[in-house]
Amino acid sequence: MSLHAPEFFAELCLPFHDSAVVGDTYYATPVPGAPLRLRINFSRASRADTYGGLRVAVIHPDRGEIDAVALSFVDHGTFHRRDVATNTRPDTNNYGVFFDYRSSGPPPWEGAVTTGLRDAIERYVGIWFPGAWATSTPSRAPGRTAHTTPAPPATPRSTARIR
C-alpha cells in the first residue's frame, strides 16, 4: 500500500520550490545551482512495514551521501496526540509509529503532528544550506498572534547635544 508520501511531505510545508517526491522519498535543491541536494525518506522501525521516523540526508552528485540524521517520530511528538487518544503506551510496538498495510481509508500516518519534524528539518537545513530556509518562500501562514516588530537602530543614538 502507498504511504501517501506526497501528501505527508506536503503537510510538512517545506519551503523549497525545486523539489519533488519520487516514490516515498522527497528530494530538494535548497540552494539553486549548488551541487548539494536534500533527501528525506521514511525510516523503518523494528518491524516490517512499520515506520518510526524520517531520515534526512545531504547528497552530493559525485560523492554520494555526505551526512544524514534520523528524526524519530517519538522524539518529535509526531504521534503523541494520537497515541494518547488511543491509549497506546510508550512500552508497546505501536507507540510513535505508523504502518503501511491498511487496505483503505485515511493515510497510514493520519493524526500526525508534523511541527516538531519540520522544525528539526529546518535546523538541519540551516547547518548544510545556510540561509536557504530564509530565502525560500515560507509555506506556512503566520499565526494570529504573529506581528512584526521594528528592528533596533543600527547605531545607538545619543541624547546629548553637540555644541
N, C-alpha and C. Protein backbone atom coordinates (compact mmCIF):
# COMPACT_ATOMS: atom_id res chain seq x y z
N MET A 1 0.83 -1.18 0.00
CA MET A 1 0.00 0.00 0.00
C MET A 1 0.87 1.24 0.00
N SER A 2 0.37 2.29 -0.56
CA SER A 2 1.09 3.55 -0.63
C SER A 2 1.17 4.20 0.74
N LEU A 3 2.28 4.84 0.98
CA LEU A 3 2.45 5.60 2.22
C LEU A 3 1.81 6.99 2.09
N HIS A 4 1.32 7.33 0.92
CA HIS A 4 0.80 8.67 0.66
C HIS A 4 1.90 9.70 0.92
N ALA A 5 3.10 9.39 0.44
CA ALA A 5 4.27 10.25 0.68
C ALA A 5 4.09 11.68 0.18
N PRO A 6 3.54 11.90 -1.03
CA PRO A 6 3.40 13.31 -1.46
C PRO A 6 2.55 14.12 -0.48
N GLU A 7 1.50 13.53 0.04
CA GLU A 7 0.64 14.23 0.99
C GLU A 7 1.37 14.48 2.31
N PHE A 8 2.15 13.49 2.77
CA PHE A 8 2.89 13.64 4.01
C PHE A 8 3.90 14.79 3.88
N PHE A 9 4.67 14.79 2.79
CA PHE A 9 5.68 15.84 2.62
C PHE A 9 5.02 17.20 2.37
N ALA A 10 3.86 17.22 1.74
CA ALA A 10 3.13 18.48 1.58
C ALA A 10 2.71 19.02 2.94
N GLU A 11 2.33 18.13 3.85
CA GLU A 11 1.93 18.55 5.19
C GLU A 11 3.10 19.13 5.98
N LEU A 12 4.32 18.70 5.67
CA LEU A 12 5.50 19.27 6.33
C LEU A 12 5.72 20.73 5.93
N CYS A 13 5.16 21.14 4.80
CA CYS A 13 5.27 22.53 4.33
C CYS A 13 6.72 22.96 4.16
N LEU A 14 7.53 22.13 3.54
CA LEU A 14 8.92 22.50 3.29
C LEU A 14 8.95 23.58 2.21
N PRO A 15 9.79 24.60 2.36
CA PRO A 15 9.70 25.79 1.51
C PRO A 15 10.48 25.76 0.20
N PHE A 16 10.92 24.60 -0.26
CA PHE A 16 11.79 24.56 -1.42
C PHE A 16 11.01 24.41 -2.72
N HIS A 17 11.21 25.37 -3.62
CA HIS A 17 10.49 25.34 -4.90
C HIS A 17 11.01 24.22 -5.79
N ASP A 18 12.30 24.00 -5.79
CA ASP A 18 12.91 22.98 -6.63
C ASP A 18 12.92 21.66 -5.86
N SER A 19 11.77 20.99 -5.84
CA SER A 19 11.65 19.74 -5.08
C SER A 19 10.68 18.80 -5.77
N ALA A 20 10.77 17.52 -5.41
CA ALA A 20 9.87 16.51 -5.96
C ALA A 20 9.82 15.32 -5.03
N VAL A 21 8.70 14.62 -5.07
CA VAL A 21 8.59 13.36 -4.34
C VAL A 21 8.64 12.26 -5.40
N VAL A 22 9.59 11.36 -5.22
CA VAL A 22 9.73 10.22 -6.12
C VAL A 22 9.55 8.97 -5.27
N GLY A 23 8.50 8.23 -5.55
CA GLY A 23 8.17 7.08 -4.71
C GLY A 23 7.82 7.55 -3.32
N ASP A 24 8.57 7.12 -2.33
CA ASP A 24 8.34 7.52 -0.95
C ASP A 24 9.42 8.45 -0.43
N THR A 25 10.13 9.12 -1.34
CA THR A 25 11.26 9.96 -0.97
C THR A 25 11.10 11.37 -1.51
N TYR A 26 11.43 12.34 -0.67
CA TYR A 26 11.39 13.76 -1.03
C TYR A 26 12.80 14.20 -1.39
N TYR A 27 12.95 14.89 -2.53
CA TYR A 27 14.23 15.43 -2.97
C TYR A 27 14.07 16.93 -3.17
N ALA A 28 15.11 17.69 -2.80
CA ALA A 28 15.07 19.14 -2.99
C ALA A 28 16.46 19.68 -3.26
N THR A 29 16.49 20.81 -3.92
CA THR A 29 17.71 21.59 -4.11
C THR A 29 17.51 22.88 -3.34
N PRO A 30 17.92 22.92 -2.07
CA PRO A 30 17.68 24.12 -1.26
C PRO A 30 18.36 25.38 -1.78
N VAL A 31 19.55 25.23 -2.40
CA VAL A 31 20.26 26.37 -2.96
C VAL A 31 20.35 26.16 -4.47
N PRO A 32 19.57 26.91 -5.24
CA PRO A 32 19.59 26.72 -6.69
C PRO A 32 21.00 26.83 -7.26
N GLY A 33 21.35 25.90 -8.13
CA GLY A 33 22.66 25.89 -8.77
C GLY A 33 23.77 25.25 -7.96
N ALA A 34 23.53 24.98 -6.69
CA ALA A 34 24.55 24.34 -5.85
C ALA A 34 24.50 22.83 -6.07
N PRO A 35 25.61 22.13 -5.86
CA PRO A 35 25.61 20.70 -6.11
C PRO A 35 24.92 19.86 -5.02
N LEU A 36 24.83 20.38 -3.81
CA LEU A 36 24.26 19.58 -2.73
C LEU A 36 22.74 19.51 -2.83
N ARG A 37 22.20 18.34 -2.51
CA ARG A 37 20.76 18.10 -2.53
C ARG A 37 20.32 17.61 -1.16
N LEU A 38 19.03 17.74 -0.91
CA LEU A 38 18.42 17.26 0.32
C LEU A 38 17.54 16.07 -0.03
N ARG A 39 17.66 15.00 0.74
CA ARG A 39 16.82 13.81 0.54
C ARG A 39 16.18 13.45 1.87
N ILE A 40 14.86 13.23 1.86
CA ILE A 40 14.14 12.84 3.07
C ILE A 40 13.30 11.62 2.73
N ASN A 41 13.50 10.57 3.50
CA ASN A 41 12.67 9.38 3.31
C ASN A 41 12.25 8.82 4.66
N PHE A 42 11.29 7.93 4.63
CA PHE A 42 10.79 7.31 5.86
C PHE A 42 11.79 6.29 6.35
N SER A 43 12.03 6.27 7.65
CA SER A 43 12.93 5.27 8.22
C SER A 43 12.10 4.16 8.84
N ARG A 44 12.52 2.97 8.57
CA ARG A 44 11.79 1.80 9.06
C ARG A 44 12.03 1.58 10.55
N ALA A 45 11.00 1.08 11.20
CA ALA A 45 11.10 0.71 12.61
C ALA A 45 11.54 -0.75 12.68
N SER A 46 11.45 -1.35 13.83
CA SER A 46 11.96 -2.71 14.01
C SER A 46 11.11 -3.80 13.36
N ARG A 47 9.89 -3.47 12.94
CA ARG A 47 9.04 -4.48 12.29
C ARG A 47 8.83 -4.13 10.82
N ALA A 48 8.52 -5.13 10.02
CA ALA A 48 8.26 -4.91 8.60
C ALA A 48 7.06 -4.00 8.42
N ASP A 49 7.11 -3.17 7.39
CA ASP A 49 6.02 -2.27 7.04
C ASP A 49 5.66 -1.29 8.16
N THR A 50 6.62 -0.96 9.01
CA THR A 50 6.41 -0.05 10.12
C THR A 50 7.47 1.05 10.03
N TYR A 51 7.02 2.29 10.20
CA TYR A 51 7.93 3.43 10.06
C TYR A 51 7.95 4.23 11.35
N GLY A 52 9.17 4.54 11.81
CA GLY A 52 9.35 5.21 13.09
C GLY A 52 9.91 6.60 13.01
N GLY A 53 10.08 7.12 11.79
CA GLY A 53 10.62 8.47 11.67
C GLY A 53 11.01 8.80 10.25
N LEU A 54 11.81 9.83 10.13
CA LEU A 54 12.33 10.25 8.84
C LEU A 54 13.85 10.21 8.87
N ARG A 55 14.43 9.98 7.73
CA ARG A 55 15.88 10.05 7.57
C ARG A 55 16.16 11.19 6.61
N VAL A 56 16.90 12.18 7.08
CA VAL A 56 17.21 13.37 6.30
C VAL A 56 18.68 13.30 5.93
N ALA A 57 18.99 13.45 4.64
CA ALA A 57 20.37 13.33 4.19
C ALA A 57 20.74 14.44 3.23
N VAL A 58 22.04 14.76 3.21
CA VAL A 58 22.62 15.68 2.24
C VAL A 58 23.36 14.83 1.23
N ILE A 59 23.06 15.06 -0.05
CA ILE A 59 23.61 14.24 -1.12
C ILE A 59 24.44 15.12 -2.06
N HIS A 60 25.58 14.60 -2.47
CA HIS A 60 26.40 15.25 -3.49
C HIS A 60 26.36 14.36 -4.73
N PRO A 61 26.21 14.93 -5.93
CA PRO A 61 26.07 14.10 -7.12
C PRO A 61 27.26 13.18 -7.40
N ASP A 62 28.47 13.60 -7.03
CA ASP A 62 29.65 12.77 -7.29
C ASP A 62 30.08 11.95 -6.08
N ARG A 63 29.92 12.49 -4.90
CA ARG A 63 30.41 11.84 -3.68
C ARG A 63 29.35 11.03 -2.95
N GLY A 64 28.11 11.15 -3.36
CA GLY A 64 27.03 10.41 -2.70
C GLY A 64 26.58 11.10 -1.43
N GLU A 65 26.18 10.28 -0.47
CA GLU A 65 25.68 10.83 0.79
C GLU A 65 26.81 11.43 1.59
N ILE A 66 26.64 12.68 1.98
CA ILE A 66 27.64 13.41 2.75
C ILE A 66 27.35 13.29 4.24
N ASP A 67 26.07 13.43 4.61
CA ASP A 67 25.68 13.39 6.01
C ASP A 67 24.21 12.98 6.08
N ALA A 68 23.83 12.42 7.21
CA ALA A 68 22.43 12.04 7.41
C ALA A 68 22.10 12.08 8.89
N VAL A 69 20.80 12.27 9.16
CA VAL A 69 20.31 12.27 10.53
C VAL A 69 18.97 11.57 10.55
N ALA A 70 18.73 10.81 11.61
CA ALA A 70 17.44 10.14 11.79
C ALA A 70 16.59 10.97 12.75
N LEU A 71 15.37 11.26 12.33
CA LEU A 71 14.44 12.03 13.16
C LEU A 71 13.29 11.10 13.56
N SER A 72 13.28 10.71 14.79
CA SER A 72 12.28 9.79 15.30
C SER A 72 10.94 10.49 15.51
N PHE A 73 9.85 9.80 15.15
CA PHE A 73 8.51 10.34 15.42
C PHE A 73 8.30 10.52 16.92
N VAL A 74 8.82 9.61 17.72
CA VAL A 74 8.65 9.70 19.17
C VAL A 74 9.36 10.94 19.71
N ASP A 75 10.60 11.16 19.30
CA ASP A 75 11.38 12.30 19.79
C ASP A 75 10.77 13.64 19.41
N HIS A 76 10.01 13.68 18.33
CA HIS A 76 9.44 14.94 17.85
C HIS A 76 7.93 15.04 18.06
N GLY A 77 7.38 14.13 18.85
CA GLY A 77 5.97 14.20 19.24
C GLY A 77 4.98 14.05 18.10
N THR A 78 5.39 13.43 17.02
CA THR A 78 4.56 13.33 15.82
C THR A 78 3.23 12.62 16.07
N PHE A 79 3.26 11.54 16.82
CA PHE A 79 2.03 10.78 17.06
C PHE A 79 1.61 10.78 18.53
N HIS A 80 2.12 11.72 19.29
CA HIS A 80 1.80 11.77 20.72
C HIS A 80 0.30 11.91 20.96
N ARG A 81 -0.33 12.88 20.30
CA ARG A 81 -1.78 13.08 20.48
C ARG A 81 -2.58 11.84 20.10
N ARG A 82 -2.24 11.25 18.96
CA ARG A 82 -2.94 10.05 18.51
C ARG A 82 -2.78 8.92 19.51
N ASP A 83 -1.56 8.73 19.99
CA ASP A 83 -1.30 7.63 20.92
C ASP A 83 -1.97 7.84 22.26
N VAL A 84 -2.04 9.06 22.72
CA VAL A 84 -2.76 9.36 23.97
C VAL A 84 -4.25 9.08 23.77
N ALA A 85 -4.79 9.53 22.64
CA ALA A 85 -6.22 9.34 22.37
C ALA A 85 -6.60 7.87 22.26
N THR A 86 -5.69 7.05 21.74
CA THR A 86 -5.98 5.62 21.59
C THR A 86 -5.44 4.79 22.75
N ASN A 87 -4.91 5.47 23.77
CA ASN A 87 -4.36 4.81 24.95
C ASN A 87 -3.23 3.83 24.60
N THR A 88 -2.42 4.22 23.61
CA THR A 88 -1.26 3.43 23.23
C THR A 88 -0.09 3.84 24.12
N ARG A 89 0.44 2.92 24.85
CA ARG A 89 1.50 3.21 25.82
C ARG A 89 2.88 3.20 25.16
N PRO A 90 3.82 3.96 25.73
CA PRO A 90 5.18 4.01 25.17
C PRO A 90 5.91 2.67 25.14
N ASP A 91 5.53 1.74 25.98
CA ASP A 91 6.24 0.45 26.00
C ASP A 91 5.63 -0.58 25.05
N THR A 92 4.83 -0.14 24.08
CA THR A 92 4.24 -1.05 23.11
C THR A 92 4.85 -0.82 21.72
N ASN A 93 4.69 -1.81 20.84
CA ASN A 93 5.24 -1.72 19.49
C ASN A 93 4.52 -0.70 18.61
N ASN A 94 3.32 -0.30 18.98
CA ASN A 94 2.53 0.61 18.15
C ASN A 94 2.75 2.07 18.50
N TYR A 95 3.51 2.35 19.54
CA TYR A 95 3.70 3.72 20.02
C TYR A 95 4.63 4.50 19.08
N GLY A 96 4.17 5.66 18.62
CA GLY A 96 5.01 6.56 17.85
C GLY A 96 5.40 6.09 16.47
N VAL A 97 4.66 5.16 15.90
CA VAL A 97 4.96 4.64 14.56
C VAL A 97 3.69 4.63 13.72
N PHE A 98 3.85 4.35 12.45
CA PHE A 98 2.69 4.06 11.62
C PHE A 98 3.00 2.87 10.73
N PHE A 99 1.97 2.23 10.26
CA PHE A 99 2.08 1.01 9.45
C PHE A 99 1.57 1.30 8.05
N ASP A 100 2.11 0.64 7.04
CA ASP A 100 1.66 0.90 5.67
C ASP A 100 0.81 -0.22 5.10
N TYR A 101 0.18 -1.02 5.93
CA TYR A 101 -0.60 -2.13 5.39
C TYR A 101 -2.10 -1.97 5.52
N ARG A 102 -2.59 -0.76 5.61
CA ARG A 102 -4.04 -0.54 5.61
C ARG A 102 -4.57 -0.80 4.21
N SER A 103 -5.74 -1.38 4.13
CA SER A 103 -6.30 -1.67 2.81
C SER A 103 -7.09 -0.50 2.25
N SER A 104 -7.64 0.34 3.10
CA SER A 104 -8.37 1.51 2.62
C SER A 104 -8.46 2.53 3.75
N GLY A 105 -9.08 3.64 3.46
CA GLY A 105 -9.26 4.66 4.49
C GLY A 105 -8.23 5.76 4.40
N PRO A 106 -8.06 6.48 5.51
CA PRO A 106 -7.14 7.63 5.51
C PRO A 106 -5.69 7.16 5.39
N PRO A 107 -4.79 8.10 5.13
CA PRO A 107 -3.36 7.73 5.05
C PRO A 107 -2.92 7.06 6.34
N PRO A 108 -1.93 6.19 6.26
CA PRO A 108 -1.48 5.48 7.46
C PRO A 108 -0.92 6.39 8.54
N TRP A 109 -0.49 7.56 8.19
CA TRP A 109 0.06 8.50 9.16
C TRP A 109 -0.99 9.48 9.68
N GLU A 110 -2.23 9.17 9.50
CA GLU A 110 -3.33 10.03 9.97
C GLU A 110 -3.13 10.38 11.45
N GLY A 111 -3.32 11.64 11.78
CA GLY A 111 -3.17 12.09 13.16
C GLY A 111 -1.78 12.61 13.48
N ALA A 112 -0.89 12.64 12.49
CA ALA A 112 0.47 13.12 12.73
C ALA A 112 0.48 14.63 12.94
N VAL A 113 1.28 15.06 13.89
CA VAL A 113 1.54 16.49 14.11
C VAL A 113 2.99 16.69 13.66
N THR A 114 3.17 17.40 12.56
CA THR A 114 4.49 17.46 11.93
C THR A 114 5.34 18.66 12.32
N THR A 115 4.86 19.48 13.22
CA THR A 115 5.58 20.69 13.59
C THR A 115 6.99 20.40 14.12
N GLY A 116 7.12 19.42 15.00
CA GLY A 116 8.43 19.08 15.56
C GLY A 116 9.40 18.58 14.49
N LEU A 117 8.90 17.76 13.58
CA LEU A 117 9.75 17.27 12.49
C LEU A 117 10.19 18.42 11.59
N ARG A 118 9.25 19.28 11.26
CA ARG A 118 9.56 20.41 10.38
C ARG A 118 10.62 21.31 11.02
N ASP A 119 10.48 21.58 12.30
CA ASP A 119 11.46 22.41 12.99
C ASP A 119 12.84 21.76 12.99
N ALA A 120 12.89 20.44 13.18
CA ALA A 120 14.17 19.72 13.17
C ALA A 120 14.79 19.76 11.77
N ILE A 121 13.98 19.60 10.75
CA ILE A 121 14.48 19.68 9.37
C ILE A 121 15.01 21.08 9.09
N GLU A 122 14.30 22.09 9.58
CA GLU A 122 14.75 23.47 9.38
C GLU A 122 16.12 23.69 10.03
N ARG A 123 16.32 23.18 11.23
CA ARG A 123 17.63 23.33 11.90
C ARG A 123 18.73 22.59 11.12
N TYR A 124 18.42 21.40 10.63
CA TYR A 124 19.40 20.62 9.87
C TYR A 124 19.74 21.34 8.56
N VAL A 125 18.74 21.82 7.87
CA VAL A 125 18.96 22.54 6.62
C VAL A 125 19.81 23.79 6.88
N GLY A 126 19.59 24.45 8.01
CA GLY A 126 20.36 25.64 8.35
C GLY A 126 21.85 25.37 8.50
N ILE A 127 22.20 24.16 8.87
CA ILE A 127 23.62 23.79 9.02
C ILE A 127 24.26 23.58 7.65
N TRP A 128 23.59 22.83 6.79
CA TRP A 128 24.16 22.45 5.50
C TRP A 128 23.88 23.46 4.39
N PHE A 129 22.81 24.20 4.51
CA PHE A 129 22.42 25.17 3.48
C PHE A 129 22.10 26.50 4.16
N PRO A 130 23.10 27.18 4.72
CA PRO A 130 22.83 28.41 5.47
C PRO A 130 22.05 29.42 4.63
N GLY A 131 20.99 29.94 5.22
CA GLY A 131 20.18 30.94 4.55
C GLY A 131 19.15 30.40 3.58
N ALA A 132 19.23 29.12 3.22
CA ALA A 132 18.31 28.57 2.22
C ALA A 132 16.87 28.59 2.71
N TRP A 133 16.66 28.30 3.99
CA TRP A 133 15.29 28.28 4.51
C TRP A 133 14.70 29.68 4.48
N ALA A 134 15.50 30.66 4.85
CA ALA A 134 15.01 32.03 4.92
C ALA A 134 14.76 32.62 3.53
N THR A 135 15.54 32.19 2.52
CA THR A 135 15.37 32.76 1.19
C THR A 135 14.26 32.08 0.41
N SER A 136 13.81 30.94 0.86
CA SER A 136 12.69 30.27 0.21
C SER A 136 11.39 30.92 0.70
N THR A 137 10.37 30.83 -0.10
CA THR A 137 9.09 31.40 0.29
C THR A 137 8.50 30.56 1.40
N PRO A 138 8.11 31.15 2.52
CA PRO A 138 7.52 30.37 3.60
C PRO A 138 6.21 29.74 3.14
N SER A 139 5.99 28.49 3.55
CA SER A 139 4.79 27.78 3.16
C SER A 139 3.70 27.88 4.20
N ARG A 140 4.06 28.21 5.43
CA ARG A 140 3.06 28.31 6.48
C ARG A 140 2.64 29.75 6.68
N ALA A 141 1.37 29.96 6.86
CA ALA A 141 0.87 31.30 7.15
C ALA A 141 1.20 31.63 8.60
N PRO A 142 1.50 32.89 8.89
CA PRO A 142 1.78 33.23 10.28
C PRO A 142 0.55 33.07 11.15
N GLY A 143 0.77 32.78 12.40
CA GLY A 143 -0.34 32.61 13.33
C GLY A 143 -1.04 33.93 13.61
N ARG A 144 -2.16 33.87 14.27
CA ARG A 144 -2.96 35.08 14.55
C ARG A 144 -2.22 36.06 15.44
N THR A 145 -1.35 35.56 16.30
CA THR A 145 -0.66 36.45 17.22
C THR A 145 0.65 36.96 16.65
N ALA A 146 0.99 36.55 15.44
CA ALA A 146 2.25 36.99 14.84
C ALA A 146 2.17 38.47 14.49
N HIS A 147 3.23 39.17 14.77
CA HIS A 147 3.31 40.58 14.40
C HIS A 147 4.75 40.92 14.16
N THR A 148 4.95 41.93 13.37
CA THR A 148 6.32 42.34 13.10
C THR A 148 6.70 43.42 14.09
N THR A 149 7.94 43.39 14.50
CA THR A 149 8.44 44.41 15.40
C THR A 149 9.55 45.16 14.68
N PRO A 150 9.65 46.44 14.90
CA PRO A 150 10.70 47.19 14.21
C PRO A 150 12.08 46.75 14.69
N ALA A 151 13.01 46.75 13.78
CA ALA A 151 14.38 46.39 14.13
C ALA A 151 15.00 47.52 14.93
N PRO A 152 15.90 47.19 15.87
CA PRO A 152 16.55 48.25 16.62
C PRO A 152 17.45 49.07 15.69
N PRO A 153 17.70 50.32 16.02
CA PRO A 153 18.55 51.14 15.16
C PRO A 153 19.93 50.52 15.03
N ALA A 154 20.54 50.72 13.88
CA ALA A 154 21.85 50.13 13.61
C ALA A 154 22.93 50.75 14.49
N THR A 155 22.82 52.05 14.78
CA THR A 155 23.79 52.69 15.64
C THR A 155 23.06 53.29 16.82
N PRO A 156 23.64 53.20 18.00
CA PRO A 156 22.97 53.78 19.16
C PRO A 156 22.88 55.30 19.03
N ARG A 157 21.76 55.85 19.46
CA ARG A 157 21.55 57.30 19.40
C ARG A 157 21.88 57.90 20.77
N SER A 158 22.51 59.00 20.71
CA SER A 158 22.83 59.71 21.94
C SER A 158 21.84 60.85 22.13
N THR A 159 21.45 61.09 23.37
CA THR A 159 20.55 62.19 23.64
C THR A 159 21.30 63.48 23.94
N ALA A 160 22.63 63.40 24.07
CA ALA A 160 23.44 64.60 24.34
C ALA A 160 23.56 65.43 23.07
N ARG A 161 23.57 66.75 23.26
CA ARG A 161 23.73 67.65 22.13
C ARG A 161 25.19 67.99 21.94
N ILE A 162 25.54 68.12 20.69
CA ILE A 162 26.90 68.55 20.37
C ILE A 162 26.87 70.05 20.23
N ARG A 163 27.77 70.74 20.92
CA ARG A 163 27.80 72.23 20.87
C ARG A 163 28.96 72.70 20.09
